[in-house]
Amino acid sequence: MFNFEINVIQPFVKHEDGVIIWTGNVISHHSTIMKHCFIVSHTAIAGNTTIEPYCFIGMNATIRNSVRVAKECVIGAGYVILHDTNEKEVYAAHSTVKLEVTSDLLKNL
C-alpha cells in the first residue's frame, strides 16, 4: 500500500497489495480495500465497506457504510454511492447547475 499524507484510516481497516491512497481521505472502521485500487484525494469511505480489486475512486466521492463496490468500478469525482455496485460500472456526477438568482437573494433566507 502507498499511503500519502493526512489520511484518516480508522481501526480494523484491511488493505491488499497495490493500493494507492492519495491525500486527505477518510476510510472508516472495518472497511476492506482489495488489490490495485486507487483512491484519489478527499474521499469518504464509511465503515464496513468493501472496495473490490481494480477500482478507481475519484476526488470527493462518498461511499455509504456497508456498501460493496464491485470489481473494476470507476466512481467519478463528487459521486455518492448509497448501494452496492455491479462489476465494471462507471459513475459520473452531474455538473453543477447555475441558478437564475444572484447571491443577494441568499442574504434574506
N, C-alpha and C. Protein backbone atom coordinates (compact mmCIF):
# COMPACT_ATOMS: atom_id res chain seq x y z
N MET A 1 0.85 -1.18 0.00
CA MET A 1 0.00 0.00 0.00
C MET A 1 0.89 1.23 0.00
N PHE A 2 0.51 2.22 -0.80
CA PHE A 2 1.17 3.51 -0.83
C PHE A 2 0.18 4.52 -0.26
N ASN A 3 0.50 5.06 0.92
CA ASN A 3 -0.42 5.91 1.66
C ASN A 3 0.18 7.31 1.76
N PHE A 4 -0.42 8.28 1.06
CA PHE A 4 0.05 9.66 1.13
C PHE A 4 -0.32 10.27 2.48
N GLU A 5 0.00 11.56 2.66
CA GLU A 5 -0.18 12.23 3.95
C GLU A 5 -1.63 12.61 4.23
N ILE A 6 -1.90 12.88 5.49
CA ILE A 6 -3.15 13.41 6.03
C ILE A 6 -4.36 12.51 5.73
N ASN A 7 -4.19 11.23 5.79
CA ASN A 7 -5.31 10.30 5.66
C ASN A 7 -5.74 9.85 7.04
N VAL A 8 -7.04 9.67 7.22
CA VAL A 8 -7.57 9.09 8.45
C VAL A 8 -7.98 7.66 8.10
N ILE A 9 -7.26 6.72 8.65
CA ILE A 9 -7.57 5.31 8.42
C ILE A 9 -7.89 4.72 9.80
N GLN A 10 -9.15 4.44 10.01
CA GLN A 10 -9.63 4.01 11.32
C GLN A 10 -9.26 2.55 11.61
N PRO A 11 -9.43 2.12 12.87
CA PRO A 11 -9.08 0.75 13.25
C PRO A 11 -9.80 -0.30 12.43
N PHE A 12 -9.12 -1.41 12.27
CA PHE A 12 -9.63 -2.63 11.64
C PHE A 12 -9.86 -2.48 10.14
N VAL A 13 -9.26 -1.47 9.50
CA VAL A 13 -9.29 -1.36 8.04
C VAL A 13 -8.27 -2.35 7.49
N LYS A 14 -8.68 -3.10 6.46
CA LYS A 14 -7.78 -4.06 5.81
C LYS A 14 -7.52 -3.58 4.39
N HIS A 15 -6.30 -3.80 3.91
CA HIS A 15 -5.96 -3.45 2.54
C HIS A 15 -5.05 -4.53 1.96
N GLU A 16 -5.12 -4.68 0.65
CA GLU A 16 -4.29 -5.66 -0.04
C GLU A 16 -3.18 -4.95 -0.82
N ASP A 17 -2.38 -5.71 -1.54
CA ASP A 17 -1.24 -5.17 -2.29
C ASP A 17 -1.67 -4.22 -3.39
N GLY A 18 -0.83 -3.25 -3.67
CA GLY A 18 -1.01 -2.36 -4.81
C GLY A 18 -2.05 -1.27 -4.61
N VAL A 19 -2.48 -1.02 -3.39
CA VAL A 19 -3.46 0.03 -3.13
C VAL A 19 -2.75 1.37 -3.01
N ILE A 20 -3.29 2.40 -3.67
CA ILE A 20 -2.77 3.76 -3.55
C ILE A 20 -3.87 4.61 -2.93
N ILE A 21 -3.52 5.27 -1.82
CA ILE A 21 -4.46 6.17 -1.14
C ILE A 21 -3.83 7.55 -1.15
N TRP A 22 -4.37 8.43 -1.96
CA TRP A 22 -3.84 9.79 -2.11
C TRP A 22 -4.12 10.60 -0.85
N THR A 23 -3.99 11.88 -0.87
CA THR A 23 -4.02 12.74 0.31
C THR A 23 -5.43 13.06 0.81
N GLY A 24 -5.60 13.10 2.13
CA GLY A 24 -6.77 13.69 2.77
C GLY A 24 -8.05 12.87 2.71
N ASN A 25 -7.97 11.58 2.80
CA ASN A 25 -9.15 10.71 2.75
C ASN A 25 -9.56 10.26 4.15
N VAL A 26 -10.80 9.81 4.27
CA VAL A 26 -11.27 9.15 5.49
C VAL A 26 -11.74 7.76 5.10
N ILE A 27 -11.10 6.76 5.69
CA ILE A 27 -11.50 5.37 5.46
C ILE A 27 -11.89 4.82 6.84
N SER A 28 -13.17 4.54 6.99
CA SER A 28 -13.71 4.21 8.31
C SER A 28 -13.54 2.74 8.67
N HIS A 29 -13.77 2.46 9.92
CA HIS A 29 -13.57 1.17 10.58
C HIS A 29 -14.11 -0.03 9.79
N HIS A 30 -13.40 -1.13 9.90
CA HIS A 30 -13.80 -2.42 9.35
C HIS A 30 -14.01 -2.42 7.84
N SER A 31 -13.44 -1.47 7.14
CA SER A 31 -13.52 -1.47 5.67
C SER A 31 -12.39 -2.29 5.09
N THR A 32 -12.61 -2.80 3.88
CA THR A 32 -11.60 -3.58 3.18
C THR A 32 -11.38 -2.98 1.81
N ILE A 33 -10.12 -2.75 1.48
CA ILE A 33 -9.76 -2.26 0.15
C ILE A 33 -8.88 -3.32 -0.49
N MET A 34 -9.41 -3.93 -1.55
CA MET A 34 -8.72 -5.04 -2.19
C MET A 34 -7.67 -4.54 -3.18
N LYS A 35 -6.93 -5.45 -3.76
CA LYS A 35 -5.71 -5.14 -4.52
C LYS A 35 -5.93 -4.17 -5.68
N HIS A 36 -4.89 -3.36 -5.88
CA HIS A 36 -4.75 -2.45 -7.02
C HIS A 36 -5.88 -1.45 -7.17
N CYS A 37 -6.36 -0.91 -6.05
CA CYS A 37 -7.34 0.18 -6.09
C CYS A 37 -6.61 1.50 -5.97
N PHE A 38 -7.17 2.53 -6.56
CA PHE A 38 -6.62 3.88 -6.49
C PHE A 38 -7.69 4.78 -5.91
N ILE A 39 -7.39 5.40 -4.78
CA ILE A 39 -8.33 6.29 -4.11
C ILE A 39 -7.73 7.69 -4.15
N VAL A 40 -8.39 8.59 -4.88
CA VAL A 40 -7.91 9.96 -5.06
C VAL A 40 -8.24 10.77 -3.80
N SER A 41 -7.81 12.00 -3.75
CA SER A 41 -7.94 12.86 -2.57
C SER A 41 -9.38 13.14 -2.14
N HIS A 42 -9.53 13.28 -0.84
CA HIS A 42 -10.73 13.78 -0.17
C HIS A 42 -11.97 12.91 -0.38
N THR A 43 -11.78 11.61 -0.42
CA THR A 43 -12.93 10.71 -0.47
C THR A 43 -13.33 10.34 0.95
N ALA A 44 -14.57 9.93 1.11
CA ALA A 44 -15.07 9.46 2.40
C ALA A 44 -15.65 8.07 2.19
N ILE A 45 -15.03 7.10 2.84
CA ILE A 45 -15.49 5.71 2.74
C ILE A 45 -15.96 5.31 4.13
N ALA A 46 -17.26 5.08 4.27
CA ALA A 46 -17.85 4.79 5.57
C ALA A 46 -17.50 3.38 6.03
N GLY A 47 -17.83 3.11 7.29
CA GLY A 47 -17.46 1.84 7.90
C GLY A 47 -18.07 0.61 7.27
N ASN A 48 -17.32 -0.49 7.40
CA ASN A 48 -17.78 -1.80 6.95
C ASN A 48 -18.02 -1.86 5.45
N THR A 49 -17.26 -1.09 4.70
CA THR A 49 -17.38 -1.02 3.25
C THR A 49 -16.30 -1.89 2.61
N THR A 50 -16.61 -2.48 1.46
CA THR A 50 -15.63 -3.27 0.71
C THR A 50 -15.45 -2.66 -0.67
N ILE A 51 -14.21 -2.37 -1.01
CA ILE A 51 -13.85 -1.91 -2.35
C ILE A 51 -13.11 -3.08 -3.01
N GLU A 52 -13.73 -3.69 -4.02
CA GLU A 52 -13.14 -4.86 -4.67
C GLU A 52 -11.98 -4.45 -5.59
N PRO A 53 -11.20 -5.41 -6.11
CA PRO A 53 -9.98 -5.09 -6.86
C PRO A 53 -10.20 -4.20 -8.09
N TYR A 54 -9.16 -3.44 -8.39
CA TYR A 54 -9.04 -2.62 -9.60
C TYR A 54 -10.08 -1.51 -9.71
N CYS A 55 -10.47 -0.93 -8.59
CA CYS A 55 -11.41 0.19 -8.61
C CYS A 55 -10.68 1.52 -8.55
N PHE A 56 -11.31 2.53 -9.11
CA PHE A 56 -10.83 3.91 -9.04
C PHE A 56 -11.91 4.73 -8.36
N ILE A 57 -11.54 5.43 -7.29
CA ILE A 57 -12.49 6.27 -6.55
C ILE A 57 -12.03 7.72 -6.72
N GLY A 58 -12.83 8.55 -7.37
CA GLY A 58 -12.47 9.92 -7.70
C GLY A 58 -12.56 10.90 -6.54
N MET A 59 -12.02 12.08 -6.75
CA MET A 59 -11.95 13.12 -5.73
C MET A 59 -13.33 13.48 -5.19
N ASN A 60 -13.41 13.59 -3.86
CA ASN A 60 -14.62 13.97 -3.14
C ASN A 60 -15.78 12.99 -3.30
N ALA A 61 -15.50 11.77 -3.71
CA ALA A 61 -16.55 10.75 -3.75
C ALA A 61 -16.87 10.31 -2.32
N THR A 62 -18.10 9.86 -2.13
CA THR A 62 -18.54 9.38 -0.82
C THR A 62 -19.18 8.01 -1.01
N ILE A 63 -18.81 7.07 -0.14
CA ILE A 63 -19.37 5.73 -0.21
C ILE A 63 -19.98 5.41 1.16
N ARG A 64 -21.25 5.08 1.14
CA ARG A 64 -22.03 4.82 2.35
C ARG A 64 -21.55 3.56 3.07
N ASN A 65 -21.86 3.45 4.35
CA ASN A 65 -21.45 2.29 5.14
C ASN A 65 -22.08 1.00 4.63
N SER A 66 -21.34 -0.07 4.80
CA SER A 66 -21.77 -1.44 4.46
C SER A 66 -22.10 -1.63 2.99
N VAL A 67 -21.44 -0.85 2.13
CA VAL A 67 -21.62 -0.97 0.67
C VAL A 67 -20.46 -1.77 0.09
N ARG A 68 -20.75 -2.53 -0.96
CA ARG A 68 -19.71 -3.25 -1.69
C ARG A 68 -19.59 -2.61 -3.07
N VAL A 69 -18.40 -2.06 -3.35
CA VAL A 69 -18.10 -1.54 -4.68
C VAL A 69 -17.45 -2.69 -5.45
N ALA A 70 -18.12 -3.15 -6.49
CA ALA A 70 -17.69 -4.35 -7.21
C ALA A 70 -16.42 -4.10 -8.02
N LYS A 71 -15.80 -5.16 -8.43
CA LYS A 71 -14.54 -5.17 -9.16
C LYS A 71 -14.58 -4.26 -10.40
N GLU A 72 -13.49 -3.51 -10.58
CA GLU A 72 -13.24 -2.68 -11.77
C GLU A 72 -14.24 -1.55 -11.97
N CYS A 73 -14.81 -1.04 -10.89
CA CYS A 73 -15.71 0.11 -10.99
C CYS A 73 -14.91 1.41 -11.00
N VAL A 74 -15.48 2.43 -11.63
CA VAL A 74 -14.95 3.78 -11.60
C VAL A 74 -16.01 4.66 -10.97
N ILE A 75 -15.64 5.29 -9.87
CA ILE A 75 -16.53 6.21 -9.17
C ILE A 75 -15.99 7.61 -9.41
N GLY A 76 -16.71 8.41 -10.15
CA GLY A 76 -16.24 9.74 -10.54
C GLY A 76 -16.23 10.73 -9.40
N ALA A 77 -15.56 11.84 -9.64
CA ALA A 77 -15.43 12.92 -8.66
C ALA A 77 -16.80 13.38 -8.17
N GLY A 78 -16.93 13.50 -6.86
CA GLY A 78 -18.15 14.03 -6.26
C GLY A 78 -19.34 13.10 -6.23
N TYR A 79 -19.19 11.88 -6.72
CA TYR A 79 -20.34 10.98 -6.76
C TYR A 79 -20.58 10.36 -5.38
N VAL A 80 -21.84 10.07 -5.07
CA VAL A 80 -22.22 9.45 -3.81
C VAL A 80 -22.78 8.06 -4.10
N ILE A 81 -22.16 7.05 -3.51
CA ILE A 81 -22.61 5.67 -3.69
C ILE A 81 -23.38 5.26 -2.44
N LEU A 82 -24.66 4.91 -2.61
CA LEU A 82 -25.52 4.54 -1.49
C LEU A 82 -25.87 3.06 -1.46
N HIS A 83 -25.60 2.35 -2.57
CA HIS A 83 -25.96 0.93 -2.67
C HIS A 83 -24.82 0.17 -3.34
N ASP A 84 -24.83 -1.15 -3.21
CA ASP A 84 -23.82 -1.99 -3.86
C ASP A 84 -23.80 -1.71 -5.36
N THR A 85 -22.62 -1.87 -5.96
CA THR A 85 -22.48 -1.70 -7.41
C THR A 85 -22.28 -3.06 -8.07
N ASN A 86 -22.32 -3.07 -9.40
CA ASN A 86 -22.02 -4.26 -10.18
C ASN A 86 -20.67 -4.07 -10.86
N GLU A 87 -20.04 -5.17 -11.25
CA GLU A 87 -18.72 -5.10 -11.88
C GLU A 87 -18.67 -4.15 -13.06
N LYS A 88 -17.58 -3.41 -13.14
CA LYS A 88 -17.22 -2.55 -14.28
C LYS A 88 -18.17 -1.38 -14.52
N GLU A 89 -18.97 -1.02 -13.52
CA GLU A 89 -19.84 0.14 -13.69
C GLU A 89 -19.04 1.43 -13.55
N VAL A 90 -19.52 2.46 -14.22
CA VAL A 90 -18.90 3.79 -14.17
C VAL A 90 -19.95 4.77 -13.68
N TYR A 91 -19.59 5.56 -12.67
CA TYR A 91 -20.50 6.54 -12.08
C TYR A 91 -19.89 7.93 -12.26
N ALA A 92 -20.66 8.84 -12.83
CA ALA A 92 -20.20 10.21 -13.03
C ALA A 92 -21.25 11.17 -12.51
N ALA A 93 -20.81 12.12 -11.69
CA ALA A 93 -21.73 13.11 -11.13
C ALA A 93 -22.17 14.08 -12.22
N HIS A 94 -23.37 14.60 -12.07
CA HIS A 94 -23.87 15.62 -12.98
C HIS A 94 -23.18 16.94 -12.69
N SER A 95 -23.09 17.78 -13.67
CA SER A 95 -22.49 19.10 -13.48
C SER A 95 -23.36 19.94 -12.54
N THR A 96 -22.73 20.90 -11.92
CA THR A 96 -23.45 21.83 -11.07
C THR A 96 -24.32 22.72 -11.93
N VAL A 97 -25.48 23.05 -11.43
CA VAL A 97 -26.42 23.89 -12.16
C VAL A 97 -26.35 25.31 -11.61
N LYS A 98 -26.18 26.29 -12.49
CA LYS A 98 -26.18 27.68 -12.09
C LYS A 98 -27.62 28.13 -11.96
N LEU A 99 -27.95 28.68 -10.81
CA LEU A 99 -29.32 29.15 -10.58
C LEU A 99 -29.51 30.53 -11.20
N GLU A 100 -30.73 30.84 -11.52
CA GLU A 100 -31.05 32.12 -12.15
C GLU A 100 -31.38 33.19 -11.11
N VAL A 101 -30.62 33.22 -10.03
CA VAL A 101 -30.75 34.24 -8.99
C VAL A 101 -29.35 34.75 -8.67
N THR A 102 -29.28 35.90 -8.03
CA THR A 102 -27.98 36.42 -7.59
C THR A 102 -27.76 36.07 -6.13
N SER A 103 -26.54 36.19 -5.70
CA SER A 103 -26.21 35.87 -4.31
C SER A 103 -26.87 36.84 -3.33
N ASP A 104 -27.31 37.99 -3.78
CA ASP A 104 -28.02 38.93 -2.91
C ASP A 104 -29.27 38.29 -2.32
N LEU A 105 -29.92 37.43 -3.08
CA LEU A 105 -31.14 36.78 -2.61
C LEU A 105 -30.86 35.90 -1.37
N LEU A 106 -29.69 35.35 -1.28
CA LEU A 106 -29.35 34.45 -0.19
C LEU A 106 -29.27 35.17 1.16
N LYS A 107 -29.00 36.45 1.14
CA LYS A 107 -28.92 37.22 2.40
C LYS A 107 -30.24 37.22 3.15
N ASN A 108 -31.33 37.10 2.45
CA ASN A 108 -32.65 37.19 3.06
C ASN A 108 -33.28 35.85 3.42
N LEU A 109 -32.56 34.79 3.22
CA LEU A 109 -33.11 33.46 3.53
C LEU A 109 -33.06 33.12 4.99
